[in-house]
N, C-alpha and C. Protein backbone atom coordinates (compact mmCIF):
# COMPACT_ATOMS: atom_id res chain seq x y z
N MET A 1 122.99 83.06 120.20
CA MET A 1 121.78 83.89 120.48
C MET A 1 120.63 84.19 119.79
N SER A 2 119.21 84.13 120.11
CA SER A 2 118.33 83.87 119.39
C SER A 2 117.60 85.38 119.13
N THR A 3 117.03 85.44 117.90
CA THR A 3 116.61 86.51 117.23
C THR A 3 114.97 86.86 117.93
N LYS A 4 115.11 87.71 119.03
CA LYS A 4 113.60 87.51 119.74
C LYS A 4 112.45 88.48 118.66
N ILE A 5 111.45 87.90 118.55
CA ILE A 5 110.68 88.65 117.93
C ILE A 5 109.17 88.75 118.64
N ILE A 6 108.53 89.83 118.36
CA ILE A 6 107.06 90.35 118.49
C ILE A 6 106.18 89.59 117.60
N ILE A 7 105.10 89.56 117.81
CA ILE A 7 104.19 89.45 116.85
C ILE A 7 102.44 90.00 117.33
N ALA A 8 102.33 91.04 116.16
CA ALA A 8 100.94 91.62 116.49
C ALA A 8 100.20 91.58 115.28
N GLU A 9 99.40 90.61 115.43
CA GLU A 9 98.03 90.30 114.63
C GLU A 9 96.99 89.92 115.09
N ARG A 10 95.90 90.29 114.50
CA ARG A 10 94.49 90.46 115.01
C ARG A 10 94.09 89.04 114.99
N LYS A 11 94.20 87.62 114.36
CA LYS A 11 93.70 86.93 113.69
C LYS A 11 94.68 85.97 114.27
N PRO A 12 93.72 84.79 115.29
CA PRO A 12 94.59 84.03 116.16
C PRO A 12 95.19 82.87 115.46
N ALA A 13 94.43 82.49 114.46
CA ALA A 13 95.55 81.35 113.30
C ALA A 13 96.56 81.70 112.86
N LEU A 14 96.61 83.38 112.33
CA LEU A 14 97.51 83.61 111.84
C LEU A 14 98.81 83.51 112.81
N ARG A 15 98.45 84.41 113.71
CA ARG A 15 99.22 84.34 114.95
C ARG A 15 99.88 82.97 115.24
N SER A 16 99.23 82.13 115.52
CA SER A 16 99.66 80.67 115.45
C SER A 16 100.47 80.20 114.62
N THR A 17 100.25 80.45 113.30
CA THR A 17 100.65 80.17 112.20
C THR A 17 102.23 80.91 112.27
N ILE A 18 102.46 81.95 112.25
CA ILE A 18 103.65 82.64 112.41
C ILE A 18 104.19 82.32 113.70
N ARG A 19 103.95 81.70 114.58
CA ARG A 19 104.73 81.34 116.04
C ARG A 19 105.41 80.02 115.60
N PHE A 20 104.44 79.27 114.78
CA PHE A 20 104.88 78.02 114.58
C PHE A 20 106.04 77.98 113.22
N ILE A 21 106.17 78.60 112.31
CA ILE A 21 107.09 79.05 111.42
C ILE A 21 108.34 79.65 112.33
N VAL A 22 108.34 80.79 113.21
CA VAL A 22 109.09 81.35 114.01
C VAL A 22 109.72 80.22 114.72
N GLU A 23 109.16 79.44 115.62
CA GLU A 23 109.66 78.72 116.75
C GLU A 23 110.02 76.90 115.75
N SER A 24 109.69 76.79 115.01
CA SER A 24 110.64 75.81 113.92
C SER A 24 112.35 76.55 113.46
N LEU A 25 112.49 77.53 113.72
CA LEU A 25 113.54 78.08 113.30
C LEU A 25 114.42 77.99 114.82
N THR A 26 115.48 77.43 114.32
CA THR A 26 116.59 77.27 115.93
C THR A 26 116.80 78.45 116.69
N ASP A 27 117.38 79.52 115.87
CA ASP A 27 118.07 80.42 116.31
C ASP A 27 117.00 82.01 116.14
N MET A 28 115.50 81.48 116.53
CA MET A 28 114.46 82.87 116.52
C MET A 28 113.69 82.36 117.64
N GLU A 29 113.06 83.42 118.76
CA GLU A 29 112.23 82.89 119.51
C GLU A 29 110.91 83.78 119.35
N VAL A 30 109.72 83.63 119.88
CA VAL A 30 108.58 84.65 119.69
C VAL A 30 108.72 84.87 121.39
N VAL A 31 109.11 86.09 121.86
CA VAL A 31 108.73 86.65 123.41
C VAL A 31 107.54 87.57 123.35
N SER A 32 106.74 87.91 122.50
CA SER A 32 105.59 88.52 122.78
C SER A 32 104.77 88.58 121.93
N GLU A 33 103.16 88.49 121.88
CA GLU A 33 102.39 88.69 121.11
C GLU A 33 100.94 89.29 121.38
N THR A 34 100.69 90.26 120.62
CA THR A 34 99.53 90.74 120.74
C THR A 34 98.44 90.29 119.96
N GLY A 35 96.84 90.55 119.95
CA GLY A 35 95.78 90.49 119.12
C GLY A 35 95.63 91.90 118.74
N ASP A 36 96.59 92.74 118.86
CA ASP A 36 96.14 93.81 118.26
C ASP A 36 97.34 94.35 117.09
N ASN A 37 97.03 94.93 116.22
CA ASN A 37 98.00 95.42 114.89
C ASN A 37 99.03 96.43 115.77
N ARG A 38 99.07 96.81 116.96
CA ARG A 38 99.52 98.10 117.13
C ARG A 38 100.30 97.55 118.29
N VAL A 39 101.69 98.07 118.39
CA VAL A 39 102.90 98.33 119.34
C VAL A 39 103.29 99.20 119.93
N SER A 40 103.09 99.15 121.42
CA SER A 40 103.27 100.52 121.65
C SER A 40 105.01 100.51 121.92
N VAL A 41 105.55 101.68 122.01
CA VAL A 41 106.59 102.06 122.17
C VAL A 41 107.54 101.64 123.53
N ASP A 42 106.57 101.92 124.50
CA ASP A 42 106.98 101.31 125.80
C ASP A 42 107.06 99.53 125.60
N THR A 43 106.13 99.08 125.12
CA THR A 43 106.08 97.74 125.03
C THR A 43 107.39 97.27 124.24
N VAL A 44 107.77 97.87 123.55
CA VAL A 44 109.16 97.37 122.93
C VAL A 44 110.25 97.76 123.63
N ARG A 45 110.16 99.00 124.37
CA ARG A 45 111.36 99.03 125.28
C ARG A 45 111.48 98.00 126.34
N ARG A 46 110.26 97.65 126.64
CA ARG A 46 110.40 96.58 127.95
C ARG A 46 110.95 95.10 127.49
N VAL A 47 110.11 94.86 126.13
CA VAL A 47 110.79 93.21 125.58
C VAL A 47 111.34 93.10 124.92
N ASN A 48 112.33 94.58 124.44
CA ASN A 48 113.46 94.61 123.51
C ASN A 48 113.42 93.72 122.39
N PRO A 49 112.45 93.46 121.84
CA PRO A 49 112.81 92.35 120.59
C PRO A 49 113.74 93.05 119.07
N ASP A 50 114.43 91.83 118.51
CA ASP A 50 115.09 92.23 117.33
C ASP A 50 114.27 92.74 116.20
N ILE A 51 112.66 91.99 116.11
CA ILE A 51 112.20 91.66 115.19
C ILE A 51 110.60 91.95 115.81
N ILE A 52 109.97 92.85 115.05
CA ILE A 52 108.38 93.07 115.22
C ILE A 52 107.47 92.70 114.00
N ILE A 53 107.04 91.67 113.99
CA ILE A 53 106.20 91.52 112.82
C ILE A 53 104.12 91.64 113.05
N MET A 54 104.21 92.97 112.07
CA MET A 54 103.09 93.33 112.39
C MET A 54 102.16 93.66 111.30
N GLU A 55 100.93 93.39 112.11
CA GLU A 55 99.92 93.69 110.39
C GLU A 55 99.64 95.20 110.57
N ILE A 56 99.44 95.50 108.98
CA ILE A 56 98.80 97.10 108.66
C ILE A 56 97.59 96.49 107.79
N ILE A 57 96.61 97.59 108.75
CA ILE A 57 95.46 97.36 107.95
C ILE A 57 95.02 98.46 107.03
N MET A 58 94.49 98.27 105.95
CA MET A 58 93.84 98.91 104.88
C MET A 58 92.46 99.25 105.17
N PRO A 59 91.98 100.45 104.63
CA PRO A 59 92.37 101.31 103.66
C PRO A 59 93.00 102.04 104.91
N ASP A 60 92.94 102.38 106.24
CA ASP A 60 93.19 103.28 106.88
C ASP A 60 94.85 103.61 107.27
N LEU A 61 95.77 102.51 106.88
CA LEU A 61 97.00 102.20 106.81
C LEU A 61 96.95 102.02 108.34
N GLU A 62 96.69 101.46 109.22
CA GLU A 62 96.38 101.59 110.65
C GLU A 62 98.13 101.27 111.21
N GLY A 63 98.25 101.40 112.16
CA GLY A 63 99.65 101.03 112.56
C GLY A 63 101.00 101.57 111.69
N ILE A 64 100.90 102.59 111.38
CA ILE A 64 101.76 103.26 110.42
C ILE A 64 102.60 104.26 111.18
N ALA A 65 101.66 104.80 111.79
CA ALA A 65 102.13 105.91 113.35
C ALA A 65 102.91 105.24 114.36
N GLU A 66 102.75 103.92 115.01
CA GLU A 66 103.69 102.93 115.59
C GLU A 66 104.78 103.08 115.24
N MET A 67 104.66 102.20 114.13
CA MET A 67 105.88 102.08 113.42
C MET A 67 106.60 102.91 113.27
N ARG A 68 106.35 104.16 112.82
CA ARG A 68 107.18 105.52 112.49
C ARG A 68 107.64 105.73 114.12
N SER A 69 107.14 105.40 114.99
CA SER A 69 107.59 105.84 115.99
C SER A 69 108.17 104.87 116.83
N ILE A 70 108.54 103.65 116.59
CA ILE A 70 109.29 102.81 117.31
C ILE A 70 110.71 102.57 116.21
N THR A 71 110.29 102.76 114.97
CA THR A 71 112.01 102.79 114.27
C THR A 71 112.44 103.94 113.95
N SER A 72 111.89 105.68 114.68
CA SER A 72 112.34 106.61 115.22
C SER A 72 113.62 106.86 116.22
N SER A 73 112.23 105.64 117.41
CA SER A 73 113.35 105.97 118.57
C SER A 73 113.86 104.61 118.93
N MET A 74 113.87 103.55 118.13
CA MET A 74 114.81 102.22 118.65
C MET A 74 114.93 101.84 117.18
N PRO A 75 115.98 102.37 116.43
CA PRO A 75 116.59 102.23 114.68
C PRO A 75 117.12 100.65 114.75
N ASN A 76 117.08 100.01 115.87
CA ASN A 76 117.52 98.80 115.76
C ASN A 76 116.68 97.74 115.73
N VAL A 77 115.37 98.06 116.00
CA VAL A 77 114.65 97.46 115.77
C VAL A 77 113.57 97.10 114.57
N LYS A 78 113.79 96.20 113.85
CA LYS A 78 113.71 96.17 112.51
C LYS A 78 111.87 95.82 112.42
N ILE A 79 110.87 96.11 111.95
CA ILE A 79 109.67 96.15 111.69
C ILE A 79 109.38 95.16 110.37
N ILE A 80 108.67 94.14 110.21
CA ILE A 80 108.21 93.71 108.94
C ILE A 80 106.53 93.96 108.73
N ALA A 81 105.84 94.33 108.07
CA ALA A 81 104.70 94.55 108.17
C ALA A 81 104.06 93.39 107.31
N LEU A 82 102.73 93.24 107.71
CA LEU A 82 101.82 91.69 106.76
C LEU A 82 100.88 92.96 106.16
N GLY A 83 100.37 92.42 105.40
CA GLY A 83 99.14 92.71 104.44
C GLY A 83 98.36 91.89 103.76
N ILE A 84 97.29 91.97 103.00
CA ILE A 84 96.25 90.96 102.58
C ILE A 84 96.79 91.27 100.98
N TYR A 85 96.92 92.21 100.47
CA TYR A 85 97.48 92.27 98.89
C TYR A 85 98.30 93.59 98.95
N PRO A 86 99.00 93.52 97.36
CA PRO A 86 99.91 94.51 97.35
C PRO A 86 99.29 95.94 97.09
N ASP A 87 100.11 96.85 97.41
CA ASP A 87 99.49 98.14 97.13
C ASP A 87 100.29 99.07 97.30
N GLU A 88 100.79 100.06 96.06
CA GLU A 88 101.78 100.46 96.15
C GLU A 88 101.80 101.70 97.31
N LYS A 89 101.11 102.42 97.58
CA LYS A 89 100.98 103.28 98.64
C LYS A 89 101.15 102.45 99.70
N LEU A 90 100.81 101.68 100.35
CA LEU A 90 100.80 100.73 101.38
C LEU A 90 102.49 100.31 101.45
N VAL A 91 102.97 100.09 100.41
CA VAL A 91 104.57 99.56 100.46
C VAL A 91 105.07 100.79 100.53
N LEU A 92 105.06 101.70 99.91
CA LEU A 92 105.76 103.01 99.86
C LEU A 92 105.83 103.81 101.55
N GLU A 93 104.63 103.45 102.26
CA GLU A 93 104.46 104.14 103.68
C GLU A 93 104.81 103.45 104.65
N ILE A 94 104.92 102.00 104.53
CA ILE A 94 105.48 101.16 104.91
C ILE A 94 107.22 101.55 105.36
N PHE A 95 107.61 101.47 104.30
CA PHE A 95 109.02 101.74 104.08
C PHE A 95 109.01 103.04 104.21
N ARG A 96 108.80 103.88 103.91
CA ARG A 96 109.16 105.61 104.49
C ARG A 96 108.93 105.71 106.34
N ALA A 97 108.38 104.88 106.71
CA ALA A 97 107.88 104.66 108.30
C ALA A 97 109.23 103.98 108.69
N GLY A 98 109.67 103.12 108.12
CA GLY A 98 111.25 102.73 108.53
C GLY A 98 110.95 101.07 108.63
N ALA A 99 110.18 100.31 108.07
CA ALA A 99 110.01 98.77 107.76
C ALA A 99 111.32 98.27 106.90
N SER A 100 111.24 97.14 107.51
CA SER A 100 112.37 96.03 106.86
C SER A 100 112.06 95.55 105.58
N GLY A 101 110.49 95.22 105.54
CA GLY A 101 109.85 94.26 104.58
C GLY A 101 108.52 94.26 104.85
N PHE A 102 108.00 93.80 103.63
CA PHE A 102 106.16 94.08 103.59
C PHE A 102 105.91 92.50 102.88
N LEU A 103 105.51 91.63 103.87
CA LEU A 103 105.01 90.14 103.56
C LEU A 103 103.51 90.32 103.23
N LEU A 104 103.17 89.70 102.42
CA LEU A 104 101.64 89.04 102.01
C LEU A 104 101.62 87.75 103.12
N LYS A 105 100.15 88.11 104.00
CA LYS A 105 99.39 86.76 104.63
C LYS A 105 99.57 85.79 104.11
N SER A 106 99.60 85.68 102.82
CA SER A 106 99.34 84.66 102.03
C SER A 106 100.40 84.10 101.63
N CYS A 107 101.70 84.37 101.85
CA CYS A 107 103.52 83.79 101.54
C CYS A 107 104.19 83.83 102.95
N LEU A 108 103.36 83.05 103.98
CA LEU A 108 104.06 83.16 105.08
C LEU A 108 104.97 82.34 105.50
N PHE A 109 104.49 81.09 104.70
CA PHE A 109 105.51 79.83 104.62
C PHE A 109 106.24 79.44 103.67
N ASP A 110 105.95 80.39 102.51
CA ASP A 110 107.26 80.76 101.62
C ASP A 110 108.15 81.77 102.02
N ASP A 111 107.68 82.75 102.50
CA ASP A 111 108.63 84.05 102.89
C ASP A 111 109.03 84.44 103.93
N LEU A 112 108.31 84.25 105.18
CA LEU A 112 108.54 84.18 106.44
C LEU A 112 109.74 84.56 106.60
N GLU A 113 110.66 83.33 106.78
CA GLU A 113 112.33 83.37 106.94
C GLU A 113 112.41 84.32 106.42
N ASN A 114 113.18 84.45 104.99
CA ASN A 114 113.49 84.96 104.20
C ASN A 114 113.29 86.52 104.58
N THR A 115 112.27 86.74 105.17
CA THR A 115 111.97 88.38 105.23
C THR A 115 112.65 88.69 106.51
N ILE A 116 112.77 88.06 107.65
CA ILE A 116 113.03 88.03 108.87
C ILE A 116 114.94 88.23 108.65
N ARG A 117 115.35 87.12 107.72
CA ARG A 117 116.85 87.17 107.71
C ARG A 117 117.19 88.09 107.01
N SER A 118 116.43 88.68 106.32
CA SER A 118 117.01 89.86 105.52
C SER A 118 116.91 91.03 106.51
N ALA A 119 115.79 91.48 107.21
CA ALA A 119 115.75 92.21 107.72
C ALA A 119 116.80 92.35 109.06
N ILE A 120 117.53 91.29 109.24
CA ILE A 120 118.24 91.35 110.44
C ILE A 120 119.63 91.70 109.37
N ASP A 121 120.23 91.65 108.49
CA ASP A 121 120.89 92.07 107.56
C ASP A 121 120.95 93.27 106.95
N ASN A 122 119.93 93.92 107.14
CA ASN A 122 119.69 95.28 107.10
C ASN A 122 119.20 95.56 105.68
N LYS A 123 118.32 94.48 105.15
CA LYS A 123 118.15 94.55 103.59
C LYS A 123 116.40 94.18 103.73
N TYR A 124 115.81 95.16 102.42
CA TYR A 124 114.70 95.45 102.13
C TYR A 124 114.07 93.68 101.57
N TYR A 125 113.03 93.30 102.08
CA TYR A 125 112.34 92.49 101.32
C TYR A 125 110.70 92.39 101.27
N LEU A 126 110.33 92.34 99.99
CA LEU A 126 109.02 92.04 99.56
C LEU A 126 108.56 90.98 99.37
N SER A 127 107.42 90.23 99.32
CA SER A 127 107.03 88.69 98.76
C SER A 127 107.08 88.92 97.56
N ASN A 128 107.28 87.58 97.32
CA ASN A 128 107.58 87.78 95.76
C ASN A 128 106.60 87.69 94.69
N LYS A 129 105.20 87.44 95.29
CA LYS A 129 104.54 87.59 94.71
C LYS A 129 103.28 88.90 94.41
N SER A 130 104.18 90.12 95.32
CA SER A 130 104.05 91.38 95.36
C SER A 130 105.18 92.36 94.98
N ALA A 131 106.32 92.04 94.67
CA ALA A 131 107.03 93.21 94.41
C ALA A 131 106.82 93.60 92.86
N GLY A 132 106.85 92.32 92.25
CA GLY A 132 106.87 93.18 90.60
C GLY A 132 105.53 93.83 90.50
N SER A 133 104.18 93.63 90.83
CA SER A 133 103.15 94.38 91.03
C SER A 133 103.31 96.10 91.47
N VAL A 134 103.77 95.68 92.63
CA VAL A 134 104.08 97.25 92.92
C VAL A 134 105.23 97.90 92.32
N ILE A 135 105.92 97.53 91.61
CA ILE A 135 107.12 97.96 90.93
C ILE A 135 106.53 98.72 89.74
N ASP A 136 105.71 98.20 89.25
CA ASP A 136 104.71 98.32 88.04
C ASP A 136 104.04 99.67 88.03
N LYS A 137 103.17 99.74 89.49
CA LYS A 137 102.22 100.72 89.77
C LYS A 137 103.25 101.75 90.49
N ILE A 138 104.22 101.63 90.95
CA ILE A 138 105.26 102.68 90.87
C ILE A 138 106.02 103.48 89.98
N ILE A 139 106.46 102.88 89.23
CA ILE A 139 107.01 103.15 87.63
C ILE A 139 106.06 103.89 87.01
N ASN A 140 104.60 103.76 86.76
CA ASN A 140 103.44 104.57 86.37
C ASN A 140 103.31 105.80 87.19
N LYS A 141 103.40 105.40 88.38
CA LYS A 141 102.59 106.77 89.24
C LYS A 141 103.71 107.55 90.31
N TYR A 142 104.88 107.17 90.43
CA TYR A 142 105.85 107.83 91.25
C TYR A 142 107.36 107.83 90.49
N PRO A 143 107.17 107.94 89.21
CA PRO A 143 108.48 107.92 88.98
C PRO A 143 109.52 108.73 89.42
N PRO A 144 110.93 108.54 89.37
CA PRO A 144 111.48 109.47 89.71
C PRO A 144 112.07 110.42 89.27
N SER A 145 112.39 111.82 89.69
CA SER A 145 112.42 112.83 89.34
C SER A 145 113.47 112.85 87.89
N ASN A 146 114.46 112.39 88.34
CA ASN A 146 115.53 112.13 87.36
C ASN A 146 115.64 110.57 87.05
N ILE A 147 115.26 110.52 85.79
CA ILE A 147 115.17 109.07 85.17
C ILE A 147 116.77 108.59 84.87
N PRO A 148 117.44 109.22 84.43
CA PRO A 148 118.90 108.53 83.80
C PRO A 148 119.69 108.41 85.09
N GLU A 149 119.67 109.36 86.02
CA GLU A 149 120.51 108.80 87.41
C GLU A 149 119.99 107.59 87.86
N PHE A 150 118.68 107.17 88.12
CA PHE A 150 117.99 106.14 88.45
C PHE A 150 118.46 105.05 87.92
N LEU A 151 118.52 105.27 86.15
CA LEU A 151 119.00 103.89 85.53
C LEU A 151 120.13 103.73 85.66
N SER A 152 121.31 104.41 85.99
CA SER A 152 122.17 104.68 86.19
C SER A 152 123.21 103.99 87.11
N LEU A 153 122.11 103.59 88.18
CA LEU A 153 121.94 102.96 89.74
C LEU A 153 121.80 101.45 89.46
N LEU A 154 121.24 101.05 88.35
CA LEU A 154 120.76 99.55 88.51
C LEU A 154 122.19 98.87 87.47
N THR A 155 121.98 97.91 88.00
CA THR A 155 122.61 96.91 87.20
C THR A 155 122.43 96.69 86.05
N GLU A 156 123.25 95.75 85.08
CA GLU A 156 122.44 95.33 84.06
C GLU A 156 121.51 94.74 83.85
N ARG A 157 121.42 93.54 84.61
CA ARG A 157 120.43 92.55 85.11
C ARG A 157 118.86 93.14 85.60
N GLU A 158 119.51 94.06 86.48
CA GLU A 158 118.30 94.59 87.15
C GLU A 158 117.71 96.07 86.10
N LEU A 159 118.43 96.54 84.95
CA LEU A 159 117.86 97.31 83.95
C LEU A 159 116.96 96.17 83.17
N SER A 160 117.28 94.86 82.63
CA SER A 160 116.49 94.23 81.96
C SER A 160 115.47 93.67 82.52
N VAL A 161 115.66 93.45 83.95
CA VAL A 161 113.99 93.28 85.00
C VAL A 161 113.11 94.34 84.68
N PHE A 162 113.78 95.42 84.79
CA PHE A 162 113.14 96.86 85.13
C PHE A 162 112.26 97.42 83.74
N PHE A 163 112.79 97.20 82.56
CA PHE A 163 112.24 97.67 81.04
C PHE A 163 111.92 96.39 80.90
N SER A 164 111.73 94.88 81.71
CA SER A 164 110.41 94.00 81.19
C SER A 164 109.30 93.98 81.74
N ILE A 165 109.44 94.53 83.10
CA ILE A 165 108.09 95.07 83.97
C ILE A 165 107.44 96.10 83.16
N SER A 166 107.98 97.16 83.14
CA SER A 166 107.60 98.24 82.23
C SER A 166 106.80 97.84 81.03
N ALA A 167 107.56 97.16 80.36
CA ALA A 167 106.94 96.21 79.10
C ALA A 167 105.63 95.57 79.45
N GLY A 168 105.21 95.52 80.60
CA GLY A 168 104.14 94.42 80.96
C GLY A 168 104.43 92.93 80.90
N ARG A 169 105.85 92.29 80.87
CA ARG A 169 106.08 91.03 80.46
C ARG A 169 105.82 90.33 82.06
N SER A 170 105.57 89.19 81.94
CA SER A 170 105.40 88.17 83.34
C SER A 170 106.56 87.39 83.60
N VAL A 171 106.42 87.29 85.12
CA VAL A 171 107.38 86.63 85.41
C VAL A 171 108.04 85.44 84.82
N TYR A 172 106.99 84.21 84.38
CA TYR A 172 107.94 83.50 83.33
C TYR A 172 107.84 84.05 82.12
N GLN A 173 107.64 85.13 81.43
CA GLN A 173 108.39 85.58 80.23
C GLN A 173 110.01 86.17 80.85
N ILE A 174 109.96 86.69 81.59
CA ILE A 174 111.43 87.21 82.16
C ILE A 174 112.24 86.33 82.24
N THR A 175 111.96 85.11 83.10
CA THR A 175 112.84 84.23 83.10
C THR A 175 113.19 83.31 81.95
N LYS A 176 112.34 83.11 80.84
CA LYS A 176 112.47 82.97 79.53
C LYS A 176 113.42 83.60 78.97
N GLU A 177 113.23 84.96 78.97
CA GLU A 177 114.13 85.96 78.06
C GLU A 177 115.59 85.93 78.72
N MET A 178 115.88 85.83 79.90
CA MET A 178 117.11 86.02 81.00
C MET A 178 117.38 84.79 81.19
N ASN A 179 117.01 83.68 80.62
CA ASN A 179 117.28 82.27 81.17
C ASN A 179 117.86 82.28 82.69
N ILE A 180 116.91 82.70 83.81
CA ILE A 180 117.50 82.46 84.81
C ILE A 180 115.97 82.19 85.78
N ASP A 181 115.78 81.91 86.95
CA ASP A 181 114.69 81.39 87.34
C ASP A 181 114.00 81.90 88.21
N THR A 182 112.76 82.06 88.68
CA THR A 182 111.74 82.90 89.32
C THR A 182 112.43 83.76 90.37
N LYS A 183 113.37 82.66 91.80
CA LYS A 183 113.63 83.44 92.49
C LYS A 183 114.98 84.36 92.30
N SER A 184 115.52 84.33 91.04
CA SER A 184 116.54 85.24 90.57
C SER A 184 115.77 86.75 90.34
N VAL A 185 114.21 85.61 89.08
CA VAL A 185 113.93 87.32 88.89
C VAL A 185 113.20 87.97 90.48
N ALA A 186 112.66 87.49 91.38
CA ALA A 186 112.09 88.16 92.18
C ALA A 186 113.26 88.98 93.21
N LEU A 187 114.16 88.19 93.53
CA LEU A 187 115.33 88.97 93.88
C LEU A 187 115.84 90.19 93.27
N LEU A 188 115.77 90.12 91.83
CA LEU A 188 116.20 91.04 91.11
C LEU A 188 115.12 92.63 91.32
N GLU A 189 113.83 92.14 91.41
CA GLU A 189 112.50 92.26 91.72
C GLU A 189 113.11 93.54 92.99
N ARG A 190 113.04 92.83 93.99
CA ARG A 190 113.27 93.36 95.39
C ARG A 190 114.35 94.58 95.14
N GLN A 191 115.74 94.30 94.67
CA GLN A 191 116.31 95.24 94.60
C GLN A 191 116.21 96.68 94.09
N ILE A 192 115.20 96.23 93.23
CA ILE A 192 115.12 97.59 91.95
C ILE A 192 113.70 98.13 93.15
N MET A 193 113.02 97.74 93.74
CA MET A 193 111.95 98.34 94.52
C MET A 193 112.91 98.95 95.96
N ALA A 194 113.93 98.48 96.50
CA ALA A 194 114.41 99.06 97.61
C ALA A 194 114.93 100.49 97.04
N LEU A 195 115.68 99.99 95.88
CA LEU A 195 115.98 101.85 95.30
C LEU A 195 114.88 102.88 95.23
N MET A 196 113.93 102.22 94.31
CA MET A 196 112.93 103.40 94.07
C MET A 196 112.31 103.76 95.47
N VAL A 197 112.30 102.87 96.55
CA VAL A 197 111.30 103.28 97.64
C VAL A 197 112.48 104.73 98.43
N ASN A 198 113.89 104.48 98.36
CA ASN A 198 114.87 105.28 99.02
C ASN A 198 114.68 106.40 98.05
N LEU A 199 114.44 106.40 96.23
CA LEU A 199 114.94 107.90 95.86
C LEU A 199 113.56 108.45 95.95
N TYR A 200 112.47 107.70 96.06
CA TYR A 200 111.01 108.54 96.10
C TYR A 200 111.08 109.05 97.71
N SER A 201 111.59 108.57 98.82
CA SER A 201 111.48 109.04 100.05
C SER A 201 112.26 110.13 99.89
N MET A 202 113.62 110.46 99.04
CA MET A 202 114.51 111.09 99.46
C MET A 202 113.61 112.48 98.79
N LYS A 203 112.97 112.26 97.38
CA LYS A 203 112.34 113.34 96.67
C LYS A 203 111.19 113.97 97.66
N GLU A 204 110.65 113.32 98.31
CA GLU A 204 109.99 113.49 99.02
C GLU A 204 110.07 114.58 100.35
N THR A 205 111.12 114.14 100.82
CA THR A 205 111.64 114.80 101.64
C THR A 205 112.50 116.09 101.54
N THR A 206 113.07 116.00 100.50
CA THR A 206 113.53 117.32 100.02
C THR A 206 112.68 118.30 99.22
N SER A 207 111.07 117.86 98.85
CA SER A 207 110.10 118.76 98.07
C SER A 207 109.19 119.50 99.05
């Protein structure tokens, strides 16, 4: 059975690019697309997609309300947010609204398939080019209330990456220090990011 996908993006060229990538994958299909960045709950119920790829517009975070409505009423529908640049406020808000991934528009060819498959597997995904910078900003602006508890949840490799990012090291420096490739660093960054988003969301809910 094919994974059914809705595309919600204002720019025709980007919609065509997304459709091209999705339709090149034999187990996925585009069932609907719109030139607006908003998808109504009624539309989602009618089309019944597995994935929605939705543009989020800064600085007003347009589309977040629709995203929250969809994920709260239909939790089985996964949402992937598209953005132009990484921003810690944006990333936190989209994950708190129930999104499964954040993808930079410049990374469609590199990351779209991985983002979709991660969402299907109930995992978070951030563009390789955005995860490190977002983690760095969250470390400085939104530290977990209980740092020792947070650090205890990280694996040895995640700890190494976390402290390297905190120290301002680049991905290239981290690969050399840990003797791993850039894809491994990106995976570790996403795992740390997912945990930080969860902890921050829990803190906001209980405060």
